[in-house]
Protein backbone atom coordinates (compact mmCIF):
# COMPACT_ATOMS: atom_id res chain seq x y z
CA UNK A 1 65.03 -41.17 65.94
CA UNK A 2 64.57 -44.85 66.81
CA UNK A 3 66.99 -47.60 65.78
CA UNK A 4 64.27 -49.12 63.59
CA UNK A 5 63.75 -45.80 61.79
CA UNK A 6 67.49 -45.34 61.27
CA UNK A 7 67.72 -48.84 59.82
CA UNK A 8 65.07 -48.01 57.19
CA UNK A 9 66.28 -44.46 56.54
CA UNK A 10 67.36 -44.62 52.89
CA UNK A 11 67.05 -40.90 52.09
CA UNK A 12 69.73 -39.61 54.50
CA UNK A 13 72.62 -41.81 53.24
CA UNK A 14 71.77 -40.98 49.62
CA UNK A 15 71.61 -37.25 50.36
CA UNK A 16 74.95 -37.49 52.18
CA UNK A 17 76.45 -39.28 49.17
CA UNK A 18 75.23 -36.54 46.85
CA UNK A 19 76.73 -33.84 49.10
CA UNK A 20 80.14 -35.58 49.25
CA UNK A 21 80.15 -35.89 45.47
CA UNK A 22 80.24 -32.11 45.07
CA UNK A 23 83.12 -31.33 47.40
CA UNK A 24 85.41 -34.22 46.55
CA UNK A 25 86.08 -32.68 43.11
CA UNK A 26 86.32 -29.04 44.23
CA UNK A 27 90.08 -28.88 45.05
CA UNK A 28 91.16 -30.03 41.58
CA UNK A 29 88.46 -27.91 39.91
CA UNK A 30 89.94 -24.84 41.60
CA UNK A 31 93.22 -25.39 39.75
CA UNK A 32 91.44 -25.84 36.42
CA UNK A 33 91.49 -29.65 36.08
CA UNK A 34 89.14 -30.42 33.16
CA UNK A 35 87.74 -33.70 34.47
CA UNK A 36 87.30 -32.34 38.01
CA UNK A 37 85.38 -29.34 36.64
CA UNK A 38 83.07 -31.70 34.77
CA UNK A 39 82.56 -34.05 37.72
CA UNK A 40 81.94 -31.20 40.15
CA UNK A 41 79.36 -29.70 37.81
CA UNK A 42 77.58 -33.04 37.37
CA UNK A 43 77.64 -33.72 41.11
CA UNK A 44 76.25 -30.25 41.80
CA UNK A 45 73.38 -30.83 39.40
CA UNK A 46 72.65 -34.23 40.92
CA UNK A 47 72.49 -32.64 44.36
CA UNK A 48 70.21 -29.86 43.10
CA UNK A 49 67.74 -32.52 41.92
CA UNK A 50 68.16 -34.68 45.05
CA UNK A 51 67.70 -31.93 47.66
CA UNK A 52 63.99 -31.19 47.05
CA UNK A 53 63.31 -34.92 46.80
CA UNK A 54 65.22 -36.11 49.87
CA UNK A 55 65.51 -33.22 52.33
CA UNK A 56 63.22 -33.06 55.37
CA UNK A 57 62.22 -29.43 54.71
CA UNK A 58 62.99 -28.68 51.04
CA UNK A 59 60.99 -25.44 51.13
CA UNK A 60 62.86 -24.14 54.19
CA UNK A 61 65.21 -21.15 54.01
CA UNK A 62 68.32 -23.27 54.46
CA UNK A 63 67.47 -25.66 51.63
CA UNK A 64 66.57 -22.76 49.34
CA UNK A 65 69.90 -21.05 50.09
CA UNK A 66 71.69 -24.30 49.30
CA UNK A 67 69.90 -24.49 45.95
CA UNK A 68 70.87 -20.91 45.06
CA UNK A 69 74.52 -21.49 45.89
CA UNK A 70 74.62 -24.82 44.09
CA UNK A 71 73.11 -23.15 41.02
CA UNK A 72 75.81 -20.48 41.22
CA UNK A 73 78.50 -23.15 41.56
CA UNK A 74 77.37 -25.19 38.55
CA UNK A 75 76.80 -22.14 36.37
CA UNK A 76 80.20 -20.69 37.21
CA UNK A 77 81.87 -23.84 35.90
CA UNK A 78 79.62 -23.91 32.84
CA UNK A 79 81.40 -21.66 30.35
CA UNK A 80 84.76 -23.30 30.93
CA UNK A 81 83.29 -26.77 30.51
CA UNK A 82 81.48 -25.81 27.31
CA UNK A 83 84.76 -24.60 25.84
CA UNK A 84 86.42 -27.87 26.85
CA UNK A 85 83.78 -29.72 24.83
CA UNK A 86 83.92 -27.64 21.66
CA UNK A 87 87.74 -27.59 21.77
CA UNK A 88 87.67 -31.39 21.87
CA UNK A 89 85.33 -31.47 18.89
CA UNK A 90 87.56 -29.15 16.86
CA UNK A 91 90.72 -31.07 17.77
CA UNK A 92 89.07 -34.30 16.66
CA UNK A 93 88.04 -32.68 13.38
CA UNK A 94 91.62 -31.60 12.67
CA UNK A 95 93.06 -35.01 13.54
CA UNK A 96 90.59 -36.79 11.29
CA UNK A 97 91.19 -34.27 8.50
CA UNK A 98 94.87 -35.12 8.22
CA UNK A 99 97.25 -32.31 7.25
CA UNK A 100 96.51 -29.09 9.12
CA UNK A 101 96.60 -25.70 7.38
CA UNK A 102 98.17 -22.64 8.98
CA UNK A 103 94.71 -21.10 9.21
CA UNK A 104 93.28 -24.13 11.02
CA UNK A 105 96.23 -24.09 13.41
CA UNK A 106 95.50 -20.43 14.14
CA UNK A 107 91.82 -21.18 14.83
CA UNK A 108 92.84 -24.00 17.15
CA UNK A 109 95.24 -21.71 19.00
CA UNK A 110 92.53 -19.08 19.43
CA UNK A 111 90.08 -21.64 20.77
CA UNK A 112 92.67 -22.95 23.23
CA UNK A 113 93.42 -19.40 24.34
CA UNK A 114 89.70 -18.75 24.86
CA UNK A 115 89.46 -21.93 26.95
CA UNK A 116 92.51 -20.94 29.03
CA UNK A 117 91.13 -17.45 29.72
CA UNK A 118 87.74 -18.92 30.60
CA UNK A 119 89.32 -21.32 33.09
CA UNK A 120 91.19 -18.49 34.76
CA UNK A 121 87.96 -16.50 35.12
CA UNK A 122 86.14 -19.58 36.37
CA UNK A 123 88.71 -20.28 39.09
CA UNK A 124 88.54 -16.67 40.26
CA UNK A 125 84.73 -16.79 40.28
CA UNK A 126 84.69 -20.08 42.20
CA UNK A 127 86.91 -18.52 44.85
CA UNK A 128 84.31 -15.75 45.23
CA UNK A 129 81.52 -18.23 45.96
CA UNK A 130 80.91 -18.66 49.67
CA UNK A 131 81.83 -22.35 49.77
CA UNK A 132 82.11 -22.37 53.58
CA UNK A 133 78.57 -21.02 53.82
CA UNK A 134 77.29 -23.69 51.43
CA UNK A 135 78.97 -26.43 53.47
CA UNK A 136 77.53 -25.03 56.69
CA UNK A 137 74.01 -24.84 55.27
CA UNK A 138 74.23 -28.36 53.84
CA UNK A 139 75.34 -29.65 57.25
CA UNK A 140 72.28 -28.01 58.77
CA UNK A 141 70.04 -29.70 56.19
CA UNK A 142 71.73 -33.04 56.86
CA UNK A 143 71.32 -32.61 60.63
CA UNK A 144 67.54 -32.82 60.14
CA UNK A 145 68.07 -36.09 58.22
CA UNK A 146 66.17 -37.05 55.09
CA UNK A 147 62.47 -37.30 54.43
CA UNK A 148 60.72 -40.61 55.10
CA UNK A 149 60.57 -43.09 52.25
CA UNK A 150 56.83 -42.66 51.63
CA UNK A 151 57.21 -38.87 51.35
CA UNK A 152 60.19 -39.18 48.99
CA UNK A 153 58.32 -41.59 46.73
CA UNK A 154 55.38 -39.18 46.55
CA UNK A 155 57.75 -36.36 45.57
CA UNK A 156 59.42 -38.56 42.98
CA UNK A 157 56.10 -39.47 41.39
CA UNK A 158 55.13 -35.80 41.27
CA UNK A 159 58.49 -34.87 39.73
CA UNK A 160 58.21 -37.68 37.19
CA UNK A 161 54.75 -36.52 36.12
CA UNK A 162 55.69 -32.83 35.92
CA UNK A 163 58.95 -33.34 34.00
CA UNK A 164 57.47 -36.07 31.82
CA UNK A 165 54.52 -33.88 30.86
CA UNK A 166 56.86 -30.95 30.15
CA UNK A 167 59.08 -33.09 27.91
CA UNK A 168 56.23 -34.75 26.01
CA UNK A 169 54.59 -31.37 25.38
CA UNK A 170 57.92 -29.84 24.37
CA UNK A 171 58.88 -32.56 21.91
CA UNK A 172 55.36 -32.53 20.46
CA UNK A 173 55.47 -28.77 19.97
CA UNK A 174 58.90 -28.95 18.31
CA UNK A 175 57.92 -31.76 15.97
CA UNK A 176 60.66 -32.09 13.36
CA UNK A 177 61.76 -28.49 13.85
CA UNK A 178 65.46 -27.70 14.28
CA UNK A 179 65.36 -25.10 17.06
CA UNK A 180 68.66 -25.36 18.92
CA UNK A 181 67.63 -23.22 21.89
CA UNK A 182 64.39 -25.11 22.43
CA UNK A 183 66.18 -28.44 22.04
CA UNK A 184 68.68 -27.27 24.67
CA UNK A 185 65.78 -26.59 27.05
CA UNK A 186 64.55 -30.14 26.46
CA UNK A 187 68.07 -31.37 27.22
CA UNK A 188 68.00 -29.70 30.64
CA UNK A 189 64.62 -31.24 31.45
CA UNK A 190 65.83 -34.68 30.32
CA UNK A 191 68.84 -34.30 32.61
CA UNK A 192 66.65 -33.45 35.60
CA UNK A 193 64.40 -36.45 34.92
CA UNK A 194 67.47 -38.68 34.56
CA UNK A 195 68.84 -37.62 37.94
CA UNK A 196 65.41 -38.15 39.52
CA UNK A 197 65.36 -41.63 37.96
CA UNK A 198 68.75 -42.33 39.55
CA UNK A 199 67.30 -41.40 42.96
CA UNK A 200 64.33 -43.69 42.26
CA UNK A 201 66.65 -46.62 41.51
CA UNK A 202 68.88 -45.95 44.52
CA UNK A 203 66.00 -45.82 46.96
CA UNK A 204 64.56 -49.11 45.69
CA UNK A 205 68.03 -50.68 45.36
CA UNK A 206 67.06 -51.77 41.86
CA UNK A 207 68.39 -50.89 38.43
CA UNK A 208 65.82 -49.77 35.87
CA UNK A 209 66.35 -48.78 32.24
CA UNK A 210 65.22 -45.19 32.88
CA UNK A 211 68.62 -43.55 33.68
CA UNK A 212 70.31 -45.18 30.67
CA UNK A 213 67.52 -44.22 28.27
CA UNK A 214 67.58 -40.62 29.48
CA UNK A 215 71.38 -40.40 29.48
CA UNK A 216 71.51 -41.42 25.81
CA UNK A 217 68.78 -38.89 24.97
CA UNK A 218 70.63 -36.19 26.90
CA UNK A 219 73.85 -36.99 25.00
CA UNK A 220 72.08 -36.78 21.63
CA UNK A 221 70.58 -33.41 22.51
CA UNK A 222 73.97 -32.28 23.80
CA UNK A 223 75.66 -33.21 20.53
CA UNK A 224 73.19 -31.06 18.60
CA UNK A 225 73.90 -28.11 20.88
CA UNK A 226 77.70 -28.50 21.11
CA UNK A 227 78.29 -28.79 17.36
CA UNK A 228 75.99 -25.80 16.82
CA UNK A 229 77.90 -23.70 19.38
CA UNK A 230 81.19 -24.55 17.66
CA UNK A 231 79.76 -23.68 14.24
CA UNK A 232 78.63 -20.32 15.62
CA UNK A 233 82.10 -19.61 17.03
CA UNK A 234 83.69 -20.48 13.69
CA UNK A 235 81.20 -18.21 11.93
CA UNK A 236 82.26 -15.34 14.17
CA UNK A 237 85.90 -16.06 13.36
CA UNK A 238 85.11 -16.09 9.63
CA UNK A 239 83.27 -12.76 9.84
CA UNK A 240 86.10 -11.13 11.80
CA UNK A 241 88.71 -12.43 9.34
CA UNK A 242 86.69 -11.21 6.35
CA UNK A 243 86.40 -7.76 7.93
CA UNK A 244 90.21 -7.65 8.16
CA UNK A 245 90.59 -8.93 4.57
CA UNK A 246 92.15 -12.19 5.82
CA UNK A 247 90.63 -14.17 2.99
CA UNK A 248 92.41 -17.49 3.59
CA UNK A 249 91.48 -17.51 7.27
CA UNK A 250 87.88 -16.54 6.52
CA UNK A 251 87.61 -19.33 3.92
CA UNK A 252 89.07 -21.93 6.27
CA UNK A 253 86.79 -20.91 9.14
CA UNK A 254 83.73 -21.02 6.85
CA UNK A 255 84.63 -24.54 5.73
CA UNK A 256 84.86 -25.73 9.31
CA UNK A 257 81.66 -23.88 10.14
CA UNK A 258 79.81 -25.70 7.35
CA UNK A 259 81.13 -29.05 8.61
CA UNK A 260 79.84 -28.49 12.15
CA UNK A 261 76.55 -27.04 10.95
CA UNK A 262 76.03 -30.23 8.96
CA UNK A 263 77.08 -32.29 12.00
CA UNK A 264 74.50 -30.55 14.17
CA UNK A 265 71.77 -31.13 11.59
CA UNK A 266 72.78 -34.79 11.25
CA UNK A 267 72.61 -35.19 15.04
CA UNK A 268 69.12 -33.72 14.95
CA UNK A 269 68.01 -36.18 12.29
CA UNK A 270 69.40 -39.03 14.41
CA UNK A 271 67.42 -37.71 17.37
CA UNK A 272 64.19 -37.68 15.37
CA UNK A 273 64.80 -41.25 14.22
CA UNK A 274 65.01 -42.29 17.87
CA UNK A 275 61.58 -40.73 18.59
CA UNK A 276 62.43 -38.80 21.75
CA UNK A 277 58.86 -38.62 23.06
CA UNK A 278 58.68 -42.42 23.01
CA UNK A 279 62.00 -42.62 24.86
CA UNK A 280 60.59 -40.33 27.56
CA UNK A 281 57.48 -42.51 27.81
CA UNK A 282 59.60 -45.63 28.25
CA UNK A 283 61.65 -43.94 30.96
CA UNK A 284 58.51 -42.79 32.78
CA UNK A 285 57.08 -46.29 32.60
CA UNK A 286 60.32 -47.66 34.05
CA UNK A 287 59.87 -45.21 36.93
CA UNK A 288 56.36 -46.48 37.54
CA UNK A 289 54.49 -44.13 35.21
CA UNK A 290 51.82 -44.96 32.66
CA UNK A 291 51.37 -41.66 30.83
CA UNK A 292 50.02 -41.96 27.28
CA UNK A 293 51.49 -40.16 24.29
CA UNK A 294 48.03 -38.77 23.45
């Protein structure tokens, strides 16, 4: 590769940065550090989006193996991270509620125990993932260097159009409906478009409004999902307590369940007020798109 080509090679440094982001958090994640788990998971997802955009041969066997192992890595950390989030929500609820009942303290202890067990399983599962193989395959991908700028921009435009169309169709189909699973699917698509927008900005060395718009939308969708997941867990605790004739515990769990069900519904109303399809359109426009809402 000529010196002139190396000087204008923007894809390879960005791909290298995305690869380093995954492994710099791995040591602490392996001992259950909450923030490291989160950062490793985010970095893994960023790399999963960046690889098919930046790699020289994204459809090659090596790149596909990297994607499979990265997916395994991020999913393995997923359950533990989700429990971190809902535990934080429940702790905040108890702090804001003032005096804590014995039943609420018991629910909190159970949730902490579930999080601790999940972390232990996660660490064991991470140790089973062939990290050395992933590193070796990523080095092979990096050795071929990144795709040329023109090719990356074409891929980015294609990704923007595909994800944008998927999101606009999805939000249109949902309308004002409160379907937590479908909203969660929209959240994942928003996240992918956000990480593609970050690549777009990095390559142009310019800051657009697209990543920020999509991050806020992703957070709103996440709040709907997380409060719903916690309400479901509390409902299970209430049902189990009722089956054992633990009336006070069942009543306390149902009260907390109602609070988080209302919180999830309120988050959904806030999302609708923000008009998510219009947010997606603005983000696409910031990435160079002109798709109409029609």
